[in-house]
N, C-alpha and C. Protein backbone atom coordinates (compact mmCIF):
# COMPACT_ATOMS: atom_id res chain seq x y z
N MET A 1 -64.10 33.79 -40.51
CA MET A 1 -65.23 33.25 -41.25
C MET A 1 -66.11 34.41 -41.70
N ALA A 2 -66.52 34.35 -42.93
CA ALA A 2 -67.35 35.41 -43.49
C ALA A 2 -68.76 35.35 -42.91
N LYS A 3 -69.33 36.50 -42.63
CA LYS A 3 -70.68 36.56 -42.10
C LYS A 3 -71.66 36.42 -43.27
N ILE A 4 -72.68 35.60 -43.06
CA ILE A 4 -73.67 35.33 -44.10
C ILE A 4 -74.90 36.21 -43.81
N ASP A 5 -75.36 36.90 -44.83
CA ASP A 5 -76.55 37.75 -44.70
C ASP A 5 -77.79 36.87 -44.87
N LEU A 6 -78.53 36.70 -43.78
CA LEU A 6 -79.71 35.84 -43.80
C LEU A 6 -81.02 36.62 -43.88
N THR A 7 -80.94 37.92 -44.03
CA THR A 7 -82.15 38.76 -43.97
C THR A 7 -83.14 38.46 -45.09
N ASP A 8 -82.69 38.01 -46.23
CA ASP A 8 -83.59 37.75 -47.36
C ASP A 8 -84.23 36.37 -47.32
N TYR A 9 -83.83 35.54 -46.36
CA TYR A 9 -84.38 34.18 -46.26
C TYR A 9 -85.74 34.23 -45.56
N THR A 10 -86.66 33.38 -46.02
CA THR A 10 -87.94 33.24 -45.33
C THR A 10 -87.73 32.37 -44.09
N LEU A 11 -88.75 32.37 -43.23
CA LEU A 11 -88.67 31.53 -42.03
C LEU A 11 -88.52 30.06 -42.43
N GLY A 12 -89.25 29.61 -43.43
CA GLY A 12 -89.15 28.23 -43.89
C GLY A 12 -87.77 27.90 -44.42
N GLU A 13 -87.20 28.83 -45.17
CA GLU A 13 -85.85 28.62 -45.69
C GLU A 13 -84.83 28.56 -44.56
N LEU A 14 -84.98 29.42 -43.56
CA LEU A 14 -84.06 29.40 -42.42
C LEU A 14 -84.16 28.08 -41.66
N LYS A 15 -85.42 27.60 -41.46
CA LYS A 15 -85.60 26.31 -40.77
C LYS A 15 -84.99 25.17 -41.59
N GLY A 16 -85.15 25.23 -42.90
CA GLY A 16 -84.56 24.22 -43.77
C GLY A 16 -83.04 24.26 -43.69
N LEU A 17 -82.49 25.45 -43.67
CA LEU A 17 -81.06 25.61 -43.54
C LEU A 17 -80.57 25.07 -42.20
N LEU A 18 -81.31 25.36 -41.15
CA LEU A 18 -80.97 24.86 -39.82
C LEU A 18 -80.99 23.33 -39.80
N PHE A 19 -82.01 22.72 -40.42
CA PHE A 19 -82.10 21.27 -40.51
C PHE A 19 -80.88 20.70 -41.22
N ASP A 20 -80.51 21.32 -42.36
CA ASP A 20 -79.36 20.85 -43.13
C ASP A 20 -78.06 20.98 -42.34
N ILE A 21 -77.93 22.08 -41.61
CA ILE A 21 -76.73 22.30 -40.80
C ILE A 21 -76.66 21.27 -39.68
N ASP A 22 -77.77 21.05 -38.98
CA ASP A 22 -77.79 20.05 -37.90
C ASP A 22 -77.42 18.66 -38.43
N LYS A 23 -77.96 18.31 -39.59
CA LYS A 23 -77.65 17.00 -40.18
C LYS A 23 -76.17 16.91 -40.52
N GLU A 24 -75.63 17.95 -41.09
CA GLU A 24 -74.20 17.95 -41.46
C GLU A 24 -73.32 17.84 -40.21
N ILE A 25 -73.70 18.54 -39.15
CA ILE A 25 -72.94 18.46 -37.90
C ILE A 25 -72.97 17.04 -37.36
N ARG A 26 -74.15 16.41 -37.34
CA ARG A 26 -74.24 15.02 -36.86
C ARG A 26 -73.39 14.08 -37.70
N ASP A 27 -73.46 14.24 -39.02
CA ASP A 27 -72.67 13.38 -39.92
C ASP A 27 -71.17 13.55 -39.67
N ARG A 28 -70.73 14.77 -39.51
CA ARG A 28 -69.30 15.02 -39.29
C ARG A 28 -68.86 14.51 -37.92
N GLN A 29 -69.73 14.64 -36.92
CA GLN A 29 -69.40 14.11 -35.60
C GLN A 29 -69.24 12.59 -35.67
N GLN A 30 -70.13 11.92 -36.38
CA GLN A 30 -70.01 10.47 -36.54
C GLN A 30 -68.72 10.10 -37.25
N GLN A 31 -68.35 10.87 -38.26
CA GLN A 31 -67.10 10.61 -38.97
C GLN A 31 -65.90 10.78 -38.03
N GLU A 32 -65.92 11.84 -37.22
CA GLU A 32 -64.82 12.09 -36.29
C GLU A 32 -64.73 10.99 -35.24
N VAL A 33 -65.87 10.53 -34.74
CA VAL A 33 -65.88 9.44 -33.76
C VAL A 33 -65.30 8.18 -34.40
N GLY A 34 -65.68 7.90 -35.64
CA GLY A 34 -65.15 6.74 -36.34
C GLY A 34 -63.65 6.82 -36.53
N LYS A 35 -63.16 8.00 -36.90
CA LYS A 35 -61.71 8.18 -37.07
C LYS A 35 -60.99 8.01 -35.74
N ALA A 36 -61.55 8.59 -34.69
CA ALA A 36 -60.92 8.48 -33.36
C ALA A 36 -60.90 7.02 -32.91
N ARG A 37 -61.99 6.32 -33.15
CA ARG A 37 -62.07 4.91 -32.77
C ARG A 37 -61.00 4.10 -33.49
N GLU A 38 -60.82 4.35 -34.77
CA GLU A 38 -59.81 3.64 -35.54
C GLU A 38 -58.40 3.95 -35.03
N ARG A 39 -58.14 5.22 -34.67
CA ARG A 39 -56.82 5.59 -34.13
C ARG A 39 -56.58 4.89 -32.80
N ILE A 40 -57.61 4.86 -31.95
CA ILE A 40 -57.48 4.21 -30.64
C ILE A 40 -57.21 2.72 -30.81
N LEU A 41 -57.95 2.07 -31.69
CA LEU A 41 -57.75 0.64 -31.93
C LEU A 41 -56.36 0.36 -32.50
N ALA A 42 -55.87 1.25 -33.37
CA ALA A 42 -54.52 1.07 -33.93
C ALA A 42 -53.47 1.19 -32.83
N ILE A 43 -53.65 2.14 -31.93
CA ILE A 43 -52.72 2.29 -30.80
C ILE A 43 -52.77 1.04 -29.93
N ALA A 44 -53.96 0.53 -29.67
CA ALA A 44 -54.09 -0.68 -28.84
C ALA A 44 -53.41 -1.86 -29.51
N ARG A 45 -53.62 -2.02 -30.81
CA ARG A 45 -52.97 -3.13 -31.52
C ARG A 45 -51.45 -2.98 -31.46
N ASP A 46 -50.95 -1.76 -31.67
CA ASP A 46 -49.50 -1.53 -31.62
C ASP A 46 -48.94 -1.83 -30.23
N ALA A 47 -49.74 -1.62 -29.20
CA ALA A 47 -49.29 -1.87 -27.82
C ALA A 47 -49.50 -3.32 -27.42
N GLY A 48 -50.10 -4.11 -28.30
CA GLY A 48 -50.33 -5.53 -28.00
C GLY A 48 -51.53 -5.78 -27.12
N LEU A 49 -52.43 -4.80 -27.02
CA LEU A 49 -53.63 -4.97 -26.20
C LEU A 49 -54.73 -5.63 -27.03
N PRO A 50 -55.46 -6.57 -26.44
CA PRO A 50 -56.57 -7.18 -27.18
C PRO A 50 -57.69 -6.16 -27.39
N THR A 51 -58.01 -5.92 -28.66
CA THR A 51 -59.03 -4.91 -28.96
C THR A 51 -60.41 -5.33 -28.48
N GLU A 52 -60.64 -6.62 -28.32
CA GLU A 52 -61.94 -7.08 -27.83
C GLU A 52 -62.22 -6.50 -26.44
N GLN A 53 -61.17 -6.44 -25.63
CA GLN A 53 -61.34 -5.90 -24.28
C GLN A 53 -61.65 -4.42 -24.32
N LEU A 54 -61.01 -3.70 -25.23
CA LEU A 54 -61.29 -2.27 -25.35
C LEU A 54 -62.72 -2.03 -25.81
N LEU A 55 -63.15 -2.83 -26.77
CA LEU A 55 -64.50 -2.66 -27.28
C LEU A 55 -65.54 -3.05 -26.23
N ALA A 56 -65.20 -4.02 -25.40
CA ALA A 56 -66.12 -4.45 -24.35
C ALA A 56 -66.09 -3.48 -23.17
N GLY A 57 -65.08 -2.62 -23.13
CA GLY A 57 -64.98 -1.66 -22.05
C GLY A 57 -64.40 -2.24 -20.77
N THR A 58 -63.80 -3.42 -20.85
CA THR A 58 -63.21 -4.02 -19.67
C THR A 58 -61.70 -3.88 -19.72
N VAL A 59 -61.13 -3.64 -18.58
CA VAL A 59 -59.68 -3.55 -18.48
C VAL A 59 -59.23 -4.65 -17.53
N PRO A 60 -58.27 -5.47 -17.96
CA PRO A 60 -57.84 -6.54 -17.07
C PRO A 60 -57.23 -5.99 -15.79
N LYS A 61 -57.45 -6.70 -14.69
CA LYS A 61 -56.88 -6.29 -13.42
C LYS A 61 -55.37 -6.48 -13.47
N PRO A 62 -54.64 -5.58 -12.83
CA PRO A 62 -53.18 -5.74 -12.84
C PRO A 62 -52.75 -6.99 -12.10
N ARG A 63 -51.90 -7.75 -12.74
CA ARG A 63 -51.39 -8.97 -12.12
C ARG A 63 -50.00 -8.73 -11.55
N TYR A 64 -49.28 -7.79 -12.16
CA TYR A 64 -47.91 -7.49 -11.74
C TYR A 64 -47.81 -6.01 -11.38
N ARG A 65 -46.96 -5.73 -10.41
CA ARG A 65 -46.77 -4.36 -9.95
C ARG A 65 -45.28 -4.09 -9.81
N ASN A 66 -44.86 -2.90 -10.24
CA ASN A 66 -43.46 -2.51 -10.14
C ASN A 66 -43.14 -2.25 -8.67
N PRO A 67 -42.20 -3.01 -8.08
CA PRO A 67 -41.87 -2.80 -6.67
C PRO A 67 -41.24 -1.43 -6.41
N LEU A 68 -40.65 -0.83 -7.45
CA LEU A 68 -40.04 0.49 -7.28
C LEU A 68 -41.03 1.63 -7.47
N ASP A 69 -42.16 1.35 -8.15
CA ASP A 69 -43.21 2.35 -8.37
C ASP A 69 -44.54 1.62 -8.45
N PRO A 70 -45.23 1.44 -7.32
CA PRO A 70 -46.47 0.66 -7.29
C PRO A 70 -47.59 1.18 -8.22
N ALA A 71 -47.45 2.41 -8.71
CA ALA A 71 -48.45 2.93 -9.64
C ALA A 71 -48.32 2.26 -11.01
N GLN A 72 -47.16 1.67 -11.30
CA GLN A 72 -46.94 1.00 -12.58
C GLN A 72 -47.37 -0.46 -12.45
N THR A 73 -48.34 -0.84 -13.26
CA THR A 73 -48.86 -2.20 -13.22
C THR A 73 -48.90 -2.78 -14.63
N TRP A 74 -49.08 -4.09 -14.68
CA TRP A 74 -49.22 -4.81 -15.95
C TRP A 74 -50.14 -5.99 -15.72
N SER A 75 -51.05 -6.22 -16.66
CA SER A 75 -52.03 -7.30 -16.53
C SER A 75 -51.44 -8.67 -16.84
N GLY A 76 -50.26 -8.70 -17.48
CA GLY A 76 -49.68 -9.96 -17.90
C GLY A 76 -50.04 -10.28 -19.35
N ARG A 77 -50.81 -9.40 -19.97
CA ARG A 77 -51.19 -9.60 -21.37
C ARG A 77 -50.56 -8.51 -22.21
N GLY A 78 -50.27 -8.84 -23.45
CA GLY A 78 -49.68 -7.85 -24.34
C GLY A 78 -48.18 -7.70 -24.07
N ARG A 79 -47.64 -6.69 -24.67
CA ARG A 79 -46.20 -6.44 -24.57
C ARG A 79 -45.81 -6.11 -23.13
N GLN A 80 -44.68 -6.63 -22.70
CA GLN A 80 -44.20 -6.34 -21.36
C GLN A 80 -43.70 -4.90 -21.29
N PRO A 81 -44.13 -4.17 -20.25
CA PRO A 81 -43.64 -2.80 -20.11
C PRO A 81 -42.14 -2.78 -19.80
N LYS A 82 -41.52 -1.64 -19.99
CA LYS A 82 -40.08 -1.49 -19.79
C LYS A 82 -39.68 -1.88 -18.37
N TRP A 83 -40.49 -1.51 -17.38
CA TRP A 83 -40.11 -1.83 -16.00
C TRP A 83 -40.08 -3.34 -15.77
N VAL A 84 -40.94 -4.10 -16.46
CA VAL A 84 -40.91 -5.56 -16.34
C VAL A 84 -39.65 -6.09 -17.00
N LEU A 85 -39.36 -5.62 -18.20
CA LEU A 85 -38.15 -6.06 -18.91
C LEU A 85 -36.90 -5.75 -18.08
N ASP A 86 -36.86 -4.54 -17.50
CA ASP A 86 -35.71 -4.16 -16.69
C ASP A 86 -35.58 -5.06 -15.46
N ALA A 87 -36.70 -5.35 -14.80
CA ALA A 87 -36.67 -6.21 -13.61
C ALA A 87 -36.21 -7.62 -13.97
N LEU A 88 -36.71 -8.15 -15.08
CA LEU A 88 -36.30 -9.49 -15.52
C LEU A 88 -34.81 -9.51 -15.88
N ALA A 89 -34.35 -8.45 -16.53
CA ALA A 89 -32.92 -8.36 -16.88
C ALA A 89 -32.06 -8.25 -15.62
N GLY A 90 -32.64 -7.70 -14.56
CA GLY A 90 -31.93 -7.55 -13.31
C GLY A 90 -31.99 -8.77 -12.41
N GLY A 91 -32.58 -9.87 -12.91
CA GLY A 91 -32.60 -11.12 -12.16
C GLY A 91 -33.90 -11.43 -11.44
N LYS A 92 -34.88 -10.53 -11.49
CA LYS A 92 -36.18 -10.81 -10.86
C LYS A 92 -36.96 -11.81 -11.72
N THR A 93 -37.93 -12.46 -11.12
CA THR A 93 -38.83 -13.34 -11.85
C THR A 93 -40.20 -12.70 -11.87
N LEU A 94 -41.04 -13.19 -12.79
CA LEU A 94 -42.41 -12.67 -12.83
C LEU A 94 -43.13 -12.95 -11.51
N ASP A 95 -42.84 -14.09 -10.90
CA ASP A 95 -43.47 -14.41 -9.62
C ASP A 95 -43.15 -13.35 -8.58
N GLU A 96 -41.94 -12.82 -8.62
CA GLU A 96 -41.55 -11.79 -7.66
C GLU A 96 -42.24 -10.46 -7.92
N LEU A 97 -42.68 -10.26 -9.15
CA LEU A 97 -43.36 -9.02 -9.51
C LEU A 97 -44.87 -9.12 -9.36
N GLU A 98 -45.36 -10.31 -9.07
CA GLU A 98 -46.80 -10.52 -8.97
C GLU A 98 -47.38 -9.65 -7.87
N SER A 99 -48.49 -9.02 -8.20
CA SER A 99 -49.16 -8.12 -7.27
C SER A 99 -49.92 -8.94 -6.23
N PRO A 100 -49.82 -8.58 -4.97
CA PRO A 100 -50.60 -9.31 -3.96
C PRO A 100 -52.10 -9.14 -4.21
N THR A 101 -52.86 -10.20 -3.98
CA THR A 101 -54.31 -10.13 -4.17
C THR A 101 -54.90 -9.36 -3.00
N PRO A 102 -55.65 -8.27 -3.28
CA PRO A 102 -56.26 -7.52 -2.19
C PRO A 102 -57.27 -8.36 -1.44
N ALA A 103 -57.41 -8.09 -0.15
CA ALA A 103 -58.38 -8.81 0.66
C ALA A 103 -59.77 -8.59 0.12
N GLY A 104 -60.56 -9.64 0.10
CA GLY A 104 -61.94 -9.55 -0.40
C GLY A 104 -62.07 -9.76 -1.88
N SER A 105 -60.95 -10.01 -2.58
CA SER A 105 -61.02 -10.21 -4.02
C SER A 105 -61.17 -11.68 -4.35
C-alpha cells in the first residue's frame, strides 16, 4: 500500500478524513456482516435447518445419538445425518437411536 503524505493537511482536514475513514469502515463492516449472514442462512437452508431457530439463537436439543459415537447427535429436524441413514439401513429404528433424557431435564 502506498504511503500517503499527510503533512500538508490541516488539523481540521485530518479530523474530517478520520471521520470519513471511520464511517467507511463501519459501512464496510456492516456489508461484510450482511454477506456473512446470508451465507450462513444459505448453508442452514441447504442443510434443512429452520432459519428461524438460527435467527432466534436457539439450537434444538439432540433427540437422537449415534450409539457408535455419542458426540454425533441429531435433533430430529432437518435432513437426517449419514450416521442415522446408515443405522436405519442396518436395521435400527429411530426409537433405538433416541437419546436418553438426562436426569433433571
